[in-house]
């Protein structure tokens, strides 16, 4: 396959209650990615806009965002796979460039979740499940992940304290991430004493809704050279999979099969394995999601995730640093922007530009982004 590089990244601050429009929100990430890459609209041959449309009041938001950013008459595509929308957008952009159809493609993810109330937001999240057989009975995201948490704790003898340690780590790094919505430290005792949301998950086990945007500009090797990109980050492997929406058809509940399948594809394409990953961003919408990701990605054997976090191996100084930008638990989770934000973190890490969050000399990074409750899964591997 031809080499495809990430040549620029951008992100707005993730906030609760963005005061402007979706086009203004998207422009914040767009302006940053253009500055980062040192180019302008004429250097973008196509745009992939990513969001979850049930939160958008604007029908076909890709059109107004492309117009506002000056990206006409280039083609604009719209992608939605729930929470994994912008990493799916990245796979599309990679494919468009690797095929030779375009030399450069911009992936622009956004979500303004504050356009609707929290109650409306929860109801729409529930619609990510089967609206005939599941969501009418009141199932929502915390309950779904609580099912996985209960099964995991029972199967492997782990404790809620192990989950709480993940939130403590997230808050440790959220404090130093200026883009994060939650920038406070959290003590283990706070997590354990917090109110329940859906047993065994408590308040600090859950990420927060947020408004935000992210942007990733990918280009062919020739385009990157023509633009004089000093530190291109190469896309080495992409993996994607899906799983039945209906929970009764799932194989098991102590992991996400979709993540395992996507990871296997990405590792094989990149020619690397779990031990080669120097830094990772995983989809930690709930603490149990990060715990399962450790094992689904091969960083630990089944049931071995708790020991990783107990030994602080997933901290910045550990053997496999994970979510050292605070993850979704601290950054917040603006659905369409989340995957692009994860990619931005890994790109900055591989360029040695992550500031206080920088891991020592990483060569290979990984992004794990999940849509719904394991309905969609994307794993992408990057290298210097």
Protein backbone atom coordinates (compact mmCIF):
# COMPACT_ATOMS: atom_id res chain seq x y z
CA UNK A 1 0.00 0.00 0.00
CA UNK A 2 1.20 3.57 -0.66
CA UNK A 3 2.37 5.43 2.43
CA UNK A 4 -0.19 7.76 4.02
CA UNK A 5 0.77 10.36 6.60
CA UNK A 6 -0.97 12.48 9.18
CA UNK A 7 0.42 15.94 8.42
CA UNK A 8 -1.66 18.06 10.81
CA UNK A 9 -3.91 17.79 13.85
CA UNK A 10 -6.21 20.18 15.67
CA UNK A 11 -8.75 20.27 18.47
CA UNK A 12 -10.99 22.75 20.22
CA UNK A 13 -11.17 22.80 23.97
CA UNK A 14 -13.80 20.33 25.15
CA UNK A 15 -16.38 22.25 27.19
CA UNK A 16 -19.83 21.98 28.77
CA UNK A 17 -22.04 24.44 26.91
CA UNK A 18 -20.24 25.91 23.87
CA UNK A 19 -21.76 29.37 23.22
CA UNK A 20 -21.44 29.41 19.41
CA UNK A 21 -22.84 27.46 16.47
CA UNK A 22 -21.65 24.07 15.21
CA UNK A 23 -19.84 25.75 12.32
CA UNK A 24 -17.93 27.98 14.73
CA UNK A 25 -17.14 24.99 16.93
CA UNK A 26 -15.83 22.98 13.97
CA UNK A 27 -13.79 25.96 12.79
CA UNK A 28 -11.78 25.96 16.03
CA UNK A 29 -10.30 22.55 15.21
CA UNK A 30 -10.07 23.41 11.51
CA UNK A 31 -8.04 26.57 12.08
CA UNK A 32 -5.67 24.68 14.39
CA UNK A 33 -5.07 21.82 11.96
CA UNK A 34 -4.38 24.24 9.08
CA UNK A 35 -1.88 26.13 11.22
CA UNK A 36 -0.28 22.89 12.35
CA UNK A 37 0.15 21.64 8.78
CA UNK A 38 1.11 25.07 7.43
CA UNK A 39 -1.39 24.97 4.58
CA UNK A 40 -4.75 26.35 3.49
CA UNK A 41 -8.09 25.28 1.98
CA UNK A 42 -6.59 24.84 -1.48
CA UNK A 43 -4.37 22.06 -0.09
CA UNK A 44 -7.41 20.03 1.03
CA UNK A 45 -8.77 17.88 -1.82
CA UNK A 46 -11.71 16.41 0.11
CA UNK A 47 -13.32 16.63 3.53
CA UNK A 48 -14.89 13.95 5.74
CA UNK A 49 -17.19 15.46 8.38
CA UNK A 50 -18.10 13.21 11.31
CA UNK A 51 -20.79 13.47 13.97
CA UNK A 52 -23.74 11.64 15.45
CA UNK A 53 -26.71 13.33 13.75
CA UNK A 54 -29.33 12.77 16.44
CA UNK A 55 -27.68 15.57 18.45
CA UNK A 56 -27.53 18.02 15.52
CA UNK A 57 -30.33 20.47 14.84
CA UNK A 58 -28.76 21.15 11.45
CA UNK A 59 -29.63 18.54 8.85
CA UNK A 60 -26.60 17.55 6.76
CA UNK A 61 -24.12 19.50 8.91
CA UNK A 62 -21.25 18.60 6.59
CA UNK A 63 -22.56 21.13 4.08
CA UNK A 64 -22.63 24.16 6.37
CA UNK A 65 -19.28 23.26 7.95
CA UNK A 66 -17.52 22.85 4.59
CA UNK A 67 -18.98 26.18 3.46
CA UNK A 68 -17.91 27.99 6.63
CA UNK A 69 -14.36 26.60 6.40
CA UNK A 70 -14.01 27.58 2.74
CA UNK A 71 -13.76 23.98 1.55
CA UNK A 72 -16.03 24.28 -1.50
CA UNK A 73 -16.11 23.07 -4.25
CA UNK A 74 -14.07 20.09 -3.03
CA UNK A 75 -16.14 16.98 -2.30
CA UNK A 76 -17.49 16.59 1.22
CA UNK A 77 -18.46 13.26 2.79
CA UNK A 78 -20.42 12.61 5.97
CA UNK A 79 -19.65 9.67 8.28
CA UNK A 80 -21.47 8.36 11.35
CA UNK A 81 -20.66 5.32 13.48
CA UNK A 82 -21.81 6.67 16.85
CA UNK A 83 -18.87 7.36 19.20
CA UNK A 84 -16.31 6.06 16.68
CA UNK A 85 -17.38 8.40 13.88
CA UNK A 86 -14.14 10.33 13.42
CA UNK A 87 -11.90 7.24 13.54
CA UNK A 88 -14.18 5.73 10.88
CA UNK A 89 -13.72 9.02 9.03
CA UNK A 90 -9.96 8.55 9.30
CA UNK A 91 -10.21 5.09 7.74
CA UNK A 92 -12.21 6.56 4.87
CA UNK A 93 -9.64 9.36 4.44
CA UNK A 94 -6.80 6.83 4.53
CA UNK A 95 -8.55 4.78 1.83
CA UNK A 96 -9.16 7.80 -0.40
CA UNK A 97 -5.49 8.76 -0.24
CA UNK A 98 -4.04 5.23 -0.46
CA UNK A 99 -6.20 4.54 -3.51
CA UNK A 100 -4.79 7.59 -5.26
CA UNK A 101 -8.19 9.23 -5.63
CA UNK A 102 -7.08 12.23 -3.53
CA UNK A 103 -3.68 13.48 -2.36
CA UNK A 104 -5.02 14.97 0.87
CA UNK A 105 -8.20 14.54 2.92
CA UNK A 106 -9.34 16.40 6.02
CA UNK A 107 -11.24 14.55 8.76
CA UNK A 108 -13.32 17.01 10.80
CA UNK A 109 -15.29 15.66 13.76
CA UNK A 110 -17.60 17.65 16.01
CA UNK A 111 -20.47 17.41 18.44
CA UNK A 112 -22.43 20.09 20.25
CA UNK A 113 -24.24 17.93 22.77
CA UNK A 114 -25.49 20.91 24.76
CA UNK A 115 -27.97 21.74 21.98
CA UNK A 116 -30.35 19.33 23.73
CA UNK A 117 -31.03 18.58 27.41
CA UNK A 118 -29.30 15.82 29.37
CA UNK A 119 -32.54 13.84 29.44
CA UNK A 120 -32.89 14.14 25.67
CA UNK A 121 -29.24 13.19 25.26
CA UNK A 122 -29.68 10.01 27.31
CA UNK A 123 -32.76 9.08 25.32
CA UNK A 124 -30.88 9.50 22.04
CA UNK A 125 -27.96 7.45 23.36
CA UNK A 126 -30.45 4.70 24.13
CA UNK A 127 -31.47 4.73 20.48
CA UNK A 128 -27.98 3.46 19.67
CA UNK A 129 -29.41 0.11 20.76
CA UNK A 130 -32.17 -1.79 18.99
CA UNK A 131 -35.22 0.52 19.15
CA UNK A 132 -37.63 -2.42 18.77
CA UNK A 133 -36.28 -4.93 21.26
CA UNK A 134 -34.02 -3.05 23.73
CA UNK A 135 -34.12 0.73 24.11
CA UNK A 136 -37.92 0.92 24.79
CA UNK A 137 -37.21 -0.96 28.02
CA UNK A 138 -35.00 1.83 29.36
CA UNK A 139 -31.54 0.56 28.55
CA UNK A 140 -28.97 3.36 28.34
CA UNK A 141 -25.19 3.55 28.06
CA UNK A 142 -24.37 3.35 31.81
CA UNK A 143 -26.59 0.28 32.16
CA UNK A 144 -25.04 -1.47 29.19
CA UNK A 145 -21.50 -0.94 30.44
CA UNK A 146 -22.64 -1.87 33.97
CA UNK A 147 -23.63 -5.28 32.54
CA UNK A 148 -20.09 -5.69 31.26
CA UNK A 149 -18.64 -4.47 34.55
CA UNK A 150 -20.70 -6.90 36.63
CA UNK A 151 -19.72 -9.79 34.40
CA UNK A 152 -16.05 -8.79 34.40
CA UNK A 153 -15.82 -8.38 38.18
CA UNK A 154 -17.60 -11.69 38.73
CA UNK A 155 -15.58 -13.63 36.14
CA UNK A 156 -12.14 -12.42 37.14
CA UNK A 157 -12.57 -11.58 40.82
CA UNK A 158 -11.68 -7.92 40.28
CA UNK A 159 -13.05 -5.16 42.51
CA UNK A 160 -14.58 -1.73 42.07
CA UNK A 161 -11.33 -0.38 43.53
CA UNK A 162 -9.55 -1.61 40.39
CA UNK A 163 -11.98 0.40 38.24
CA UNK A 164 -11.57 3.44 40.49
CA UNK A 165 -7.80 3.33 39.97
CA UNK A 166 -8.43 3.96 36.26
CA UNK A 167 -10.37 7.12 37.08
CA UNK A 168 -7.61 8.30 39.43
CA UNK A 169 -5.13 7.91 36.57
CA UNK A 170 -7.41 9.77 34.17
CA UNK A 171 -7.75 12.68 36.59
CA UNK A 172 -3.99 12.75 37.13
CA UNK A 173 -3.48 13.60 33.46
CA UNK A 174 -6.69 15.56 32.94
CA UNK A 175 -5.25 18.21 35.27
CA UNK A 176 -2.42 18.92 32.82
CA UNK A 177 -4.48 18.78 29.61
CA UNK A 178 -5.65 22.28 28.74
CA UNK A 179 -8.19 20.86 26.29
CA UNK A 180 -9.96 18.72 28.92
CA UNK A 181 -13.36 19.58 30.39
CA UNK A 182 -12.59 18.00 33.79
CA UNK A 183 -9.29 19.26 35.20
CA UNK A 184 -9.45 18.19 38.83
CA UNK A 185 -7.60 15.50 40.73
CA UNK A 186 -9.62 12.62 42.11
CA UNK A 187 -8.73 10.45 45.10
CA UNK A 188 -9.44 6.74 45.27
CA UNK A 189 -11.65 7.26 48.32
CA UNK A 190 -13.77 9.80 46.42
CA UNK A 191 -14.44 7.30 43.65
CA UNK A 192 -15.40 4.54 46.06
CA UNK A 193 -17.72 6.82 48.06
CA UNK A 194 -19.46 8.36 45.06
CA UNK A 195 -23.15 7.88 44.30
CA UNK A 196 -24.13 4.93 42.10
CA UNK A 197 -25.18 5.49 38.49
CA UNK A 198 -25.81 1.90 37.41
CA UNK A 199 -24.34 -0.68 39.75
CA UNK A 200 -21.44 -1.35 39.98
CA UNK A 201 -20.61 1.87 38.11
CA UNK A 202 -20.56 5.09 40.15
CA UNK A 203 -20.34 8.76 39.23
CA UNK A 204 -16.57 8.80 38.73
CA UNK A 205 -16.70 5.67 36.57
CA UNK A 206 -18.54 7.60 33.84
CA UNK A 207 -17.31 10.17 31.34
CA UNK A 208 -19.16 13.45 30.81
CA UNK A 209 -20.95 14.78 27.74
CA UNK A 210 -19.13 17.70 26.13
CA UNK A 211 -19.05 20.03 23.15
CA UNK A 212 -15.96 19.90 20.99
CA UNK A 213 -14.31 19.44 17.61
CA UNK A 214 -11.21 17.70 16.27
CA UNK A 215 -9.39 17.66 12.96
CA UNK A 216 -6.86 15.37 11.28
CA UNK A 217 -5.29 16.08 7.89
CA UNK A 218 -3.91 13.08 6.00
CA UNK A 219 -1.87 13.14 2.82
CA UNK A 220 0.13 10.99 0.46
CA UNK A 221 3.88 10.76 0.89
CA UNK A 222 4.37 12.95 -2.19
CA UNK A 223 1.97 15.62 -0.91
CA UNK A 224 3.65 15.63 2.50
CA UNK A 225 7.02 16.17 0.85
CA UNK A 226 5.65 18.91 -1.42
CA UNK A 227 4.26 20.74 1.64
CA UNK A 228 7.58 20.39 3.45
CA UNK A 229 6.11 18.53 6.43
CA UNK A 230 8.97 18.10 8.89
CA UNK A 231 7.43 15.42 11.13
CA UNK A 232 4.92 13.28 9.25
CA UNK A 233 3.31 10.51 11.32
CA UNK A 234 2.57 7.44 9.24
CA UNK A 235 -0.59 5.36 9.37
CA UNK A 236 0.80 1.81 9.64
CA UNK A 237 -2.33 -0.24 10.19
CA UNK A 238 -6.10 0.16 10.24
CA UNK A 239 -8.63 -2.30 11.58
CA UNK A 240 -12.40 -2.11 11.84
CA UNK A 241 -15.17 -4.50 12.83
CA UNK A 242 -18.79 -4.64 13.94
CA UNK A 243 -20.89 -6.71 16.30
CA UNK A 244 -24.64 -7.41 16.56
CA UNK A 245 -26.65 -4.57 18.05
CA UNK A 246 -28.87 -7.03 19.92
CA UNK A 247 -27.20 -7.97 23.21
CA UNK A 248 -28.75 -11.43 23.15
CA UNK A 249 -26.56 -12.22 20.13
CA UNK A 250 -23.29 -11.23 21.83
CA UNK A 251 -20.74 -13.97 22.48
CA UNK A 252 -19.73 -12.73 25.95
CA UNK A 253 -19.79 -9.73 28.26
CA UNK A 254 -16.28 -9.62 29.75
CA UNK A 255 -14.76 -7.91 26.75
CA UNK A 256 -15.61 -6.40 23.36
CA UNK A 257 -15.13 -8.88 20.54
CA UNK A 258 -15.28 -6.00 18.06
CA UNK A 259 -12.11 -4.48 19.58
CA UNK A 260 -10.25 -7.77 19.41
CA UNK A 261 -11.13 -8.22 15.74
CA UNK A 262 -10.16 -4.65 14.79
CA UNK A 263 -6.90 -4.91 16.73
CA UNK A 264 -5.97 -8.17 15.02
CA UNK A 265 -6.43 -6.54 11.60
CA UNK A 266 -4.43 -3.44 12.54
CA UNK A 267 -1.55 -5.41 14.08
CA UNK A 268 -1.29 -7.67 11.05
CA UNK A 269 -1.36 -4.76 8.60
CA UNK A 270 1.27 -2.83 10.58
CA UNK A 271 3.43 -5.89 11.14
CA UNK A 272 3.62 -5.27 14.89
CA UNK A 273 2.16 -6.71 18.07
CA UNK A 274 0.95 -5.44 21.44
CA UNK A 275 4.46 -5.40 22.90
CA UNK A 276 5.56 -2.97 20.17
CA UNK A 277 3.07 -0.27 21.20
CA UNK A 278 4.76 2.58 23.11
CA UNK A 279 1.69 4.70 23.85
CA UNK A 280 -2.05 4.13 23.41
CA UNK A 281 -5.33 6.00 23.46
CA UNK A 282 -8.28 3.76 24.30
CA UNK A 283 -12.00 4.43 24.45
CA UNK A 284 -12.67 4.90 28.18
CA UNK A 285 -16.26 6.12 28.17
CA UNK A 286 -16.50 4.16 31.43
CA UNK A 287 -13.72 2.80 33.61
CA UNK A 288 -14.69 -0.76 32.68
CA UNK A 289 -14.22 0.13 29.00
CA UNK A 290 -10.54 0.95 29.57
CA UNK A 291 -10.08 -2.19 31.67
CA UNK A 292 -11.49 -4.37 28.89
CA UNK A 293 -9.40 -2.53 26.30
CA UNK A 294 -6.17 -3.53 28.08
CA UNK A 295 -7.06 -7.15 27.41
CA UNK A 296 -8.80 -6.78 24.04
CA UNK A 297 -5.68 -5.08 22.66
CA UNK A 298 -3.32 -7.72 24.07
CA UNK A 299 -1.63 -5.54 26.68
CA UNK A 300 -2.74 -8.11 29.27
CA UNK A 301 -4.17 -11.61 29.29
CA UNK A 302 -7.90 -12.02 30.07
CA UNK A 303 -8.30 -11.04 33.71
CA UNK A 304 -4.87 -9.40 33.79
CA UNK A 305 -6.06 -5.80 33.40
CA UNK A 306 -6.39 -5.08 37.13
CA UNK A 307 -2.74 -5.94 37.74
CA UNK A 308 -1.68 -3.45 35.02
CA UNK A 309 -3.44 -0.55 36.72
CA UNK A 310 -2.47 -1.67 40.25
CA UNK A 311 1.20 -1.64 39.21
CA UNK A 312 0.73 1.70 37.40
CA UNK A 313 2.00 0.13 34.18
CA UNK A 314 -0.50 2.23 32.20
CA UNK A 315 0.81 5.50 33.67
CA UNK A 316 3.19 7.69 31.67
CA UNK A 317 6.26 6.01 33.16
CA UNK A 318 4.88 2.48 32.84
CA UNK A 319 5.45 -0.26 30.29
CA UNK A 320 2.35 0.67 28.24
CA UNK A 321 1.15 4.27 28.84
CA UNK A 322 -2.59 4.55 28.18
CA UNK A 323 -4.70 7.72 28.01
CA UNK A 324 -2.04 10.03 29.39
CA UNK A 325 -4.14 12.97 28.15
CA UNK A 326 -6.86 12.11 30.68
CA UNK A 327 -8.94 10.03 28.27
CA UNK A 328 -12.65 10.51 27.81
CA UNK A 329 -13.07 10.31 31.58
CA UNK A 330 -11.33 13.68 31.97
CA UNK A 331 -11.45 15.23 28.49
CA UNK A 332 -15.17 14.63 28.05
CA UNK A 333 -16.85 12.81 25.18
CA UNK A 334 -18.14 14.99 22.31
CA UNK A 335 -19.15 11.98 20.27
CA UNK A 336 -18.16 12.97 16.72
CA UNK A 337 -14.91 14.61 17.87
CA UNK A 338 -13.64 11.88 20.18
CA UNK A 339 -11.71 9.68 17.75
CA UNK A 340 -9.96 12.66 16.18
CA UNK A 341 -8.94 13.89 19.62
CA UNK A 342 -7.42 10.50 20.36
CA UNK A 343 -5.49 10.63 17.07
CA UNK A 344 -4.26 14.13 17.88
CA UNK A 345 -2.82 12.93 21.18
CA UNK A 346 -0.94 10.04 19.56
CA UNK A 347 0.38 12.25 16.75
CA UNK A 348 1.70 14.80 19.26
CA UNK A 349 3.30 11.97 21.24
CA UNK A 350 5.07 10.58 18.16
CA UNK A 351 6.28 14.08 17.27
CA UNK A 352 7.58 14.63 20.84
CA UNK A 353 5.23 17.60 21.16
CA UNK A 354 2.94 16.43 23.98
CA UNK A 355 4.42 18.72 26.65
CA UNK A 356 3.85 17.56 30.23
CA UNK A 357 2.03 14.49 28.91
CA UNK A 358 4.98 13.36 26.78
CA UNK A 359 5.99 9.70 26.96
CA UNK A 360 9.70 9.02 26.57
CA UNK A 361 10.74 8.42 22.95
CA UNK A 362 7.63 6.63 21.57
CA UNK A 363 8.00 5.09 18.12
CA UNK A 364 4.62 3.41 17.64
CA UNK A 365 1.21 4.53 18.94
CA UNK A 366 -2.28 3.05 18.89
CA UNK A 367 -5.82 4.46 18.91
CA UNK A 368 -8.78 2.29 20.00
CA UNK A 369 -12.18 3.91 19.39
CA UNK A 370 -15.52 2.18 20.03
CA UNK A 371 -18.97 3.10 18.72
CA UNK A 372 -21.94 2.30 20.93
CA UNK A 373 -21.60 -0.65 23.30
CA UNK A 374 -19.14 -2.46 21.09
CA UNK A 375 -21.32 -2.10 18.00
CA UNK A 376 -18.45 -0.58 15.99
CA UNK A 377 -14.74 -0.85 16.69
CA UNK A 378 -11.76 0.90 15.08
CA UNK A 379 -8.08 0.37 15.89
CA UNK A 380 -5.43 2.45 14.13
CA UNK A 381 -1.65 2.13 14.50
CA UNK A 382 0.73 5.00 13.84
CA UNK A 383 4.52 5.26 13.53
CA UNK A 384 7.16 7.96 13.29
